[in-house]
Amino acid sequence: MLRKNLLNIFYVYTAQFPALFICGNCSKKRSCNAYLSQSTRGVRSLL
């Protein structure tokens, strides 16, 4: 969905880590960033 520009943000979480992916356009260039963190019970409950 990021490749087709349907979504700009999404997340995936597992027992080991959550990952947040953010994509956007800036000056005719497309950039994507991924943010990874260690997973905790508190993070999993928020997601």
N, C-alpha and C. Protein backbone atom coordinates (compact mmCIF):
# COMPACT_ATOMS: atom_id res chain seq x y z
N MET A 1 0.81 -1.18 0.00
CA MET A 1 0.00 0.00 0.00
C MET A 1 0.86 1.26 0.00
N LEU A 2 2.05 1.19 0.62
CA LEU A 2 2.95 2.33 0.55
C LEU A 2 3.44 2.55 -0.88
N ARG A 3 3.73 1.48 -1.58
CA ARG A 3 4.24 1.60 -2.95
C ARG A 3 3.23 2.24 -3.89
N LYS A 4 1.94 2.03 -3.64
CA LYS A 4 0.90 2.59 -4.51
C LYS A 4 0.35 3.91 -3.98
N ASN A 5 0.98 4.47 -2.95
CA ASN A 5 0.57 5.73 -2.33
C ASN A 5 -0.86 5.70 -1.78
N LEU A 6 -1.31 4.54 -1.32
CA LEU A 6 -2.63 4.45 -0.71
C LEU A 6 -2.57 4.81 0.78
N LEU A 7 -1.44 4.53 1.41
CA LEU A 7 -1.23 4.86 2.82
C LEU A 7 0.11 5.55 2.98
N ASN A 8 0.21 6.47 3.92
CA ASN A 8 1.49 7.12 4.22
C ASN A 8 2.13 6.59 5.50
N ILE A 9 1.33 5.89 6.31
CA ILE A 9 1.84 5.42 7.59
C ILE A 9 1.20 4.07 7.94
N PHE A 10 1.99 3.17 8.45
CA PHE A 10 1.44 1.93 8.99
C PHE A 10 2.43 1.33 9.96
N TYR A 11 1.95 0.41 10.78
CA TYR A 11 2.83 -0.24 11.74
C TYR A 11 2.63 -1.74 11.72
N VAL A 12 3.68 -2.41 12.18
CA VAL A 12 3.67 -3.87 12.33
C VAL A 12 4.26 -4.14 13.70
N TYR A 13 3.67 -5.07 14.43
CA TYR A 13 4.28 -5.41 15.69
C TYR A 13 4.33 -6.91 15.88
N THR A 14 5.39 -7.34 16.54
CA THR A 14 5.59 -8.74 16.87
C THR A 14 5.90 -8.82 18.37
N ALA A 15 6.16 -9.99 18.85
CA ALA A 15 6.52 -10.15 20.26
C ALA A 15 7.88 -9.52 20.56
N GLN A 16 8.75 -9.41 19.53
CA GLN A 16 10.09 -8.87 19.74
C GLN A 16 10.18 -7.36 19.52
N PHE A 17 9.45 -6.81 18.54
CA PHE A 17 9.57 -5.39 18.25
C PHE A 17 8.35 -4.86 17.50
N PRO A 18 8.03 -3.57 17.69
CA PRO A 18 7.09 -2.88 16.82
C PRO A 18 7.88 -2.07 15.79
N ALA A 19 7.34 -1.93 14.60
CA ALA A 19 7.96 -1.12 13.55
C ALA A 19 6.91 -0.17 12.98
N LEU A 20 7.27 1.10 12.88
CA LEU A 20 6.39 2.12 12.32
C LEU A 20 7.03 2.58 11.02
N PHE A 21 6.27 2.54 9.93
CA PHE A 21 6.76 2.96 8.61
C PHE A 21 6.02 4.22 8.21
N ILE A 22 6.78 5.25 7.81
CA ILE A 22 6.22 6.53 7.39
C ILE A 22 6.82 6.89 6.05
N CYS A 23 5.95 7.21 5.08
CA CYS A 23 6.41 7.62 3.75
C CYS A 23 5.80 8.96 3.39
N GLY A 24 6.51 9.71 2.57
CA GLY A 24 6.00 10.99 2.13
C GLY A 24 6.78 11.51 0.94
N ASN A 25 6.28 12.56 0.34
CA ASN A 25 6.94 13.20 -0.80
C ASN A 25 7.53 14.52 -0.35
N CYS A 26 8.76 14.76 -0.77
CA CYS A 26 9.45 16.00 -0.42
C CYS A 26 10.26 16.45 -1.63
N SER A 27 9.89 17.54 -2.23
CA SER A 27 10.60 18.09 -3.39
C SER A 27 10.74 17.07 -4.51
N LYS A 28 9.64 16.45 -4.87
CA LYS A 28 9.58 15.46 -5.96
C LYS A 28 10.33 14.17 -5.65
N LYS A 29 10.83 14.02 -4.44
CA LYS A 29 11.49 12.78 -4.03
C LYS A 29 10.60 12.09 -3.01
N ARG A 30 10.56 10.79 -3.09
CA ARG A 30 9.78 10.01 -2.13
C ARG A 30 10.72 9.45 -1.09
N SER A 31 10.37 9.61 0.16
CA SER A 31 11.21 9.08 1.23
C SER A 31 10.36 8.21 2.15
N CYS A 32 10.97 7.16 2.66
CA CYS A 32 10.32 6.27 3.61
C CYS A 32 11.25 6.07 4.79
N ASN A 33 10.68 6.09 5.97
CA ASN A 33 11.44 5.88 7.19
C ASN A 33 10.79 4.76 7.99
N ALA A 34 11.63 4.00 8.67
CA ALA A 34 11.15 2.95 9.56
C ALA A 34 11.70 3.21 10.95
N TYR A 35 10.83 3.13 11.94
CA TYR A 35 11.21 3.30 13.33
C TYR A 35 10.98 1.99 14.06
N LEU A 36 12.05 1.47 14.65
CA LEU A 36 11.99 0.20 15.36
C LEU A 36 12.24 0.43 16.85
N SER A 37 11.62 -0.39 17.66
CA SER A 37 11.80 -0.29 19.10
C SER A 37 11.68 -1.68 19.71
N GLN A 38 12.26 -1.85 20.87
CA GLN A 38 12.05 -3.11 21.57
C GLN A 38 10.61 -3.16 22.05
N SER A 39 10.03 -4.32 22.02
CA SER A 39 8.63 -4.46 22.41
C SER A 39 8.52 -4.68 23.91
N THR A 40 7.53 -4.02 24.48
CA THR A 40 7.19 -4.23 25.89
C THR A 40 5.69 -4.47 25.98
N ARG A 41 5.24 -4.93 27.08
CA ARG A 41 3.81 -5.17 27.27
C ARG A 41 3.03 -3.85 27.12
N GLY A 42 3.58 -2.75 27.61
CA GLY A 42 2.92 -1.46 27.51
C GLY A 42 2.78 -0.99 26.07
N VAL A 43 3.84 -1.17 25.27
CA VAL A 43 3.79 -0.78 23.85
C VAL A 43 2.77 -1.63 23.11
N ARG A 44 2.78 -2.93 23.36
CA ARG A 44 1.83 -3.81 22.67
C ARG A 44 0.39 -3.47 23.05
N SER A 45 0.15 -3.08 24.29
CA SER A 45 -1.22 -2.75 24.69
C SER A 45 -1.68 -1.44 24.04
N LEU A 46 -0.77 -0.50 23.79
CA LEU A 46 -1.13 0.75 23.12
C LEU A 46 -1.47 0.52 21.65
N LEU A 47 -0.79 -0.44 21.02
CA LEU A 47 -1.04 -0.69 19.61
C LEU A 47 -2.24 -1.58 19.44
